[in-house]
Amino acid sequence: MDIIRIICAIFLPPLGVFLQVGIGVDFWINILLTLLGYIPGIVHAIWVIARK
């Protein structure tokens, strides 16, 4: 299941985070990072998925 989340995180980083933790602080941080730059959003999403 983590592979699917990582693939989602590459194409839509907030979706990958949402699938892992739901709507919470990490989700909103990821939306902000994705809006500021696509690559930081991807890095954060993969980090959130990998740490849990």
PDB file of N, CA and C in Angstrom:
ATOM      1  N   MET A   1       0.827  -1.201   0.000  1.00  0.00           N
ATOM      2  CA  MET A   1       0.000   0.000   0.000  1.00  0.00           C
ATOM      3  C   MET A   1       0.866   1.257   0.000  1.00  0.00           C
ATOM      4  N   ASP A   2       2.053   1.202   0.588  1.00  0.00           N
ATOM      5  CA  ASP A   2       2.931   2.369   0.586  1.00  0.00           C
ATOM      6  C   ASP A   2       3.368   2.745  -0.820  1.00  0.00           C
ATOM      7  N   ILE A   3       3.491   1.770  -1.703  1.00  0.00           N
ATOM      8  CA  ILE A   3       3.885   2.066  -3.077  1.00  0.00           C
ATOM      9  C   ILE A   3       2.828   2.939  -3.753  1.00  0.00           C
ATOM     10  N   ILE A   4       1.567   2.628  -3.527  1.00  0.00           N
ATOM     11  CA  ILE A   4       0.482   3.426  -4.107  1.00  0.00           C
ATOM     12  C   ILE A   4       0.507   4.837  -3.542  1.00  0.00           C
ATOM     13  N   ARG A   5       0.749   4.965  -2.252  1.00  0.00           N
ATOM     14  CA  ARG A   5       0.823   6.299  -1.635  1.00  0.00           C
ATOM     15  C   ARG A   5       1.995   7.097  -2.184  1.00  0.00           C
ATOM     16  N   ILE A   6       3.131   6.454  -2.401  1.00  0.00           N
ATOM     17  CA  ILE A   6       4.300   7.154  -2.936  1.00  0.00           C
ATOM     18  C   ILE A   6       4.038   7.594  -4.373  1.00  0.00           C
ATOM     19  N   ILE A   7       3.395   6.751  -5.167  1.00  0.00           N
ATOM     20  CA  ILE A   7       3.053   7.140  -6.537  1.00  0.00           C
ATOM     21  C   ILE A   7       2.090   8.327  -6.522  1.00  0.00           C
ATOM     22  N   CYS A   8       1.107   8.296  -5.636  1.00  0.00           N
ATOM     23  CA  CYS A   8       0.192   9.443  -5.501  1.00  0.00           C
ATOM     24  C   CYS A   8       0.950  10.686  -5.064  1.00  0.00           C
ATOM     25  N   ALA A   9       1.941  10.507  -4.178  1.00  0.00           N
ATOM     26  CA  ALA A   9       2.711  11.650  -3.679  1.00  0.00           C
ATOM     27  C   ALA A   9       3.549  12.284  -4.776  1.00  0.00           C
ATOM     28  N   ILE A  10       3.964  11.505  -5.752  1.00  0.00           N
ATOM     29  CA  ILE A  10       4.759  12.069  -6.847  1.00  0.00           C
ATOM     30  C   ILE A  10       3.880  12.919  -7.756  1.00  0.00           C
ATOM     31  N   PHE A  11       2.674  12.452  -8.050  1.00  0.00           N
ATOM     32  CA  PHE A  11       1.803  13.199  -8.954  1.00  0.00           C
ATOM     33  C   PHE A  11       1.000  14.285  -8.244  1.00  0.00           C
ATOM     34  N   LEU A  12       0.454  13.978  -7.069  1.00  0.00           N
ATOM     35  CA  LEU A  12      -0.308  14.940  -6.258  1.00  0.00           C
ATOM     36  C   LEU A  12       0.128  14.787  -4.799  1.00  0.00           C
ATOM     37  N   PRO A  13       1.138  15.541  -4.376  1.00  0.00           N
ATOM     38  CA  PRO A  13       1.668  15.366  -3.014  1.00  0.00           C
ATOM     39  C   PRO A  13       0.627  15.436  -1.894  1.00  0.00           C
ATOM     40  N   PRO A  14      -0.324  16.382  -1.917  1.00  0.00           N
ATOM     41  CA  PRO A  14      -1.304  16.397  -0.830  1.00  0.00           C
ATOM     42  C   PRO A  14      -2.165  15.132  -0.768  1.00  0.00           C
ATOM     43  N   LEU A  15      -2.421  14.516  -1.909  1.00  0.00           N
ATOM     44  CA  LEU A  15      -3.200  13.275  -1.920  1.00  0.00           C
ATOM     45  C   LEU A  15      -2.448  12.156  -1.209  1.00  0.00           C
ATOM     46  N   GLY A  16      -1.158  12.050  -1.449  1.00  0.00           N
ATOM     47  CA  GLY A  16      -0.361  11.032  -0.762  1.00  0.00           C
ATOM     48  C   GLY A  16      -0.365  11.231   0.744  1.00  0.00           C
ATOM     49  N   VAL A  17      -0.245  12.479   1.176  1.00  0.00           N
ATOM     50  CA  VAL A  17      -0.276  12.773   2.614  1.00  0.00           C
ATOM     51  C   VAL A  17      -1.663  12.500   3.182  1.00  0.00           C
ATOM     52  N   PHE A  18      -2.698  12.884   2.451  1.00  0.00           N
ATOM     53  CA  PHE A  18      -4.065  12.639   2.910  1.00  0.00           C
ATOM     54  C   PHE A  18      -4.327  11.143   3.098  1.00  0.00           C
ATOM     55  N   LEU A  19      -3.867  10.332   2.162  1.00  0.00           N
ATOM     56  CA  LEU A  19      -4.073   8.886   2.278  1.00  0.00           C
ATOM     57  C   LEU A  19      -3.326   8.301   3.475  1.00  0.00           C
ATOM     58  N   GLN A  20      -2.238   8.939   3.877  1.00  0.00           N
ATOM     59  CA  GLN A  20      -1.446   8.431   5.002  1.00  0.00           C
ATOM     60  C   GLN A  20      -1.992   8.902   6.351  1.00  0.00           C
ATOM     61  N   VAL A  21      -2.250  10.206   6.484  1.00  0.00           N
ATOM     62  CA  VAL A  21      -2.589  10.755   7.796  1.00  0.00           C
ATOM     63  C   VAL A  21      -3.952  11.434   7.872  1.00  0.00           C
ATOM     64  N   GLY A  22      -4.633  11.597   6.750  1.00  0.00           N
ATOM     65  CA  GLY A  22      -5.913  12.299   6.768  1.00  0.00           C
ATOM     66  C   GLY A  22      -5.697  13.799   6.788  1.00  0.00           C
ATOM     67  N   ILE A  23      -6.769  14.519   7.116  1.00  0.00           N
ATOM     68  CA  ILE A  23      -6.670  15.983   7.168  1.00  0.00           C
ATOM     69  C   ILE A  23      -6.163  16.363   8.550  1.00  0.00           C
ATOM     70  N   GLY A  24      -4.970  16.899   8.567  1.00  0.00           N
ATOM     71  CA  GLY A  24      -4.330  17.299   9.807  1.00  0.00           C
ATOM     72  C   GLY A  24      -3.246  18.315   9.503  1.00  0.00           C
ATOM     73  N   VAL A  25      -2.364  18.496  10.446  1.00  0.00           N
ATOM     74  CA  VAL A  25      -1.298  19.492  10.295  1.00  0.00           C
ATOM     75  C   VAL A  25      -0.386  19.145   9.121  1.00  0.00           C
ATOM     76  N   ASP A  26      -0.005  17.863   9.010  1.00  0.00           N
ATOM     77  CA  ASP A  26       0.879  17.469   7.907  1.00  0.00           C
ATOM     78  C   ASP A  26       0.236  17.721   6.549  1.00  0.00           C
ATOM     79  N   PHE A  27      -1.052  17.510   6.445  1.00  0.00           N
ATOM     80  CA  PHE A  27      -1.767  17.752   5.191  1.00  0.00           C
ATOM     81  C   PHE A  27      -1.701  19.226   4.803  1.00  0.00           C
ATOM     82  N   TRP A  28      -1.967  20.107   5.749  1.00  0.00           N
ATOM     83  CA  TRP A  28      -1.971  21.541   5.444  1.00  0.00           C
ATOM     84  C   TRP A  28      -0.560  22.054   5.172  1.00  0.00           C
ATOM     85  N   ILE A  29       0.434  21.518   5.881  1.00  0.00           N
ATOM     86  CA  ILE A  29       1.822  21.887   5.601  1.00  0.00           C
ATOM     87  C   ILE A  29       2.184  21.480   4.179  1.00  0.00           C
ATOM     88  N   ASN A  30       1.730  20.284   3.778  1.00  0.00           N
ATOM     89  CA  ASN A  30       2.050  19.807   2.446  1.00  0.00           C
ATOM     90  C   ASN A  30       1.371  20.653   1.369  1.00  0.00           C
ATOM     91  N   ILE A  31       0.151  21.066   1.595  1.00  0.00           N
ATOM     92  CA  ILE A  31      -0.505  21.949   0.619  1.00  0.00           C
ATOM     93  C   ILE A  31       0.275  23.254   0.484  1.00  0.00           C
ATOM     94  N   LEU A  32       0.712  23.815   1.596  1.00  0.00           N
ATOM     95  CA  LEU A  32       1.489  25.047   1.549  1.00  0.00           C
ATOM     96  C   LEU A  32       2.807  24.841   0.806  1.00  0.00           C
ATOM     97  N   LEU A  33       3.508  23.761   1.110  1.00  0.00           N
ATOM     98  CA  LEU A  33       4.773  23.487   0.424  1.00  0.00           C
ATOM     99  C   LEU A  33       4.568  23.235  -1.066  1.00  0.00           C
ATOM    100  N   THR A  34       3.491  22.560  -1.415  1.00  0.00           N
ATOM    101  CA  THR A  34       3.206  22.297  -2.824  1.00  0.00           C
ATOM    102  C   THR A  34       2.889  23.591  -3.569  1.00  0.00           C
ATOM    103  N   LEU A  35       2.196  24.499  -2.924  1.00  0.00           N
ATOM    104  CA  LEU A  35       1.907  25.782  -3.553  1.00  0.00           C
ATOM    105  C   LEU A  35       3.161  26.640  -3.711  1.00  0.00           C
ATOM    106  N   LEU A  36       4.080  26.524  -2.757  1.00  0.00           N
ATOM    107  CA  LEU A  36       5.320  27.296  -2.833  1.00  0.00           C
ATOM    108  C   LEU A  36       6.300  26.702  -3.839  1.00  0.00           C
ATOM    109  N   GLY A  37       6.218  25.413  -4.030  1.00  0.00           N
ATOM    110  CA  GLY A  37       7.097  24.737  -4.978  1.00  0.00           C
ATOM    111  C   GLY A  37       6.748  23.265  -5.022  1.00  0.00           C
ATOM    112  N   TYR A  38       6.651  22.732  -6.201  1.00  0.00           N
ATOM    113  CA  TYR A  38       6.185  21.350  -6.357  1.00  0.00           C
ATOM    114  C   TYR A  38       7.152  20.343  -5.718  1.00  0.00           C
ATOM    115  N   ILE A  39       8.450  20.560  -5.874  1.00  0.00           N
ATOM    116  CA  ILE A  39       9.454  19.622  -5.347  1.00  0.00           C
ATOM    117  C   ILE A  39       9.424  19.563  -3.817  1.00  0.00           C
ATOM    118  N   PRO A  40       9.360  20.685  -3.093  1.00  0.00           N
ATOM    119  CA  PRO A  40       9.259  20.578  -1.635  1.00  0.00           C
ATOM    120  C   PRO A  40       8.017  19.812  -1.175  1.00  0.00           C
ATOM    121  N   GLY A  41       6.928  19.936  -1.910  1.00  0.00           N
ATOM    122  CA  GLY A  41       5.716  19.190  -1.589  1.00  0.00           C
ATOM    123  C   GLY A  41       5.923  17.696  -1.748  1.00  0.00           C
ATOM    124  N   ILE A  42       6.617  17.300  -2.806  1.00  0.00           N
ATOM    125  CA  ILE A  42       6.905  15.879  -3.030  1.00  0.00           C
ATOM    126  C   ILE A  42       7.815  15.344  -1.934  1.00  0.00           C
ATOM    127  N   VAL A  43       8.863  16.080  -1.615  1.00  0.00           N
ATOM    128  CA  VAL A  43       9.810  15.631  -0.577  1.00  0.00           C
ATOM    129  C   VAL A  43       9.094  15.467   0.757  1.00  0.00           C
ATOM    130  N   HIS A  44       8.278  16.427   1.121  1.00  0.00           N
ATOM    131  CA  HIS A  44       7.547  16.345   2.386  1.00  0.00           C
ATOM    132  C   HIS A  44       6.577  15.167   2.385  1.00  0.00           C
ATOM    133  N   ALA A  45       5.879  14.967   1.281  1.00  0.00           N
ATOM    134  CA  ALA A  45       4.919  13.872   1.200  1.00  0.00           C
ATOM    135  C   ALA A  45       5.609  12.517   1.346  1.00  0.00           C
ATOM    136  N   ILE A  46       6.717  12.327   0.671  1.00  0.00           N
ATOM    137  CA  ILE A  46       7.445  11.058   0.782  1.00  0.00           C
ATOM    138  C   ILE A  46       7.996  10.882   2.183  1.00  0.00           C
ATOM    139  N   TRP A  47       8.436  11.966   2.803  1.00  0.00           N
ATOM    140  CA  TRP A  47       8.930  11.888   4.177  1.00  0.00           C
ATOM    141  C   TRP A  47       7.813  11.485   5.136  1.00  0.00           C
ATOM    142  N   VAL A  48       6.629  12.052   4.980  1.00  0.00           N
ATOM    143  CA  VAL A  48       5.491  11.709   5.837  1.00  0.00           C
ATOM    144  C   VAL A  48       5.107  10.241   5.647  1.00  0.00           C
ATOM    145  N   ILE A  49       5.102   9.779   4.409  1.00  0.00           N
ATOM    146  CA  ILE A  49       4.734   8.387   4.141  1.00  0.00           C
ATOM    147  C   ILE A  49       5.789   7.445   4.690  1.00  0.00           C
ATOM    148  N   ALA A  50       7.060   7.785   4.566  1.00  0.00           N
ATOM    149  CA  ALA A  50       8.138   6.889   4.994  1.00  0.00           C
ATOM    150  C   ALA A  50       8.275   6.815   6.507  1.00  0.00           C
ATOM    151  N   ARG A  51       7.943   7.877   7.223  1.00  0.00           N
ATOM    152  CA  ARG A  51       8.158   7.857   8.679  1.00  0.00           C
ATOM    153  C   ARG A  51       7.089   7.080   9.435  1.00  0.00           C
ATOM    154  N   LYS A  52       5.943   6.825   8.846  1.00  0.00           N
ATOM    155  CA  LYS A  52       4.878   6.116   9.559  1.00  0.00           C
ATOM    156  C   LYS A  52       4.837   4.677   9.182  1.00  0.00           C
TER     157      LYS A  52
END
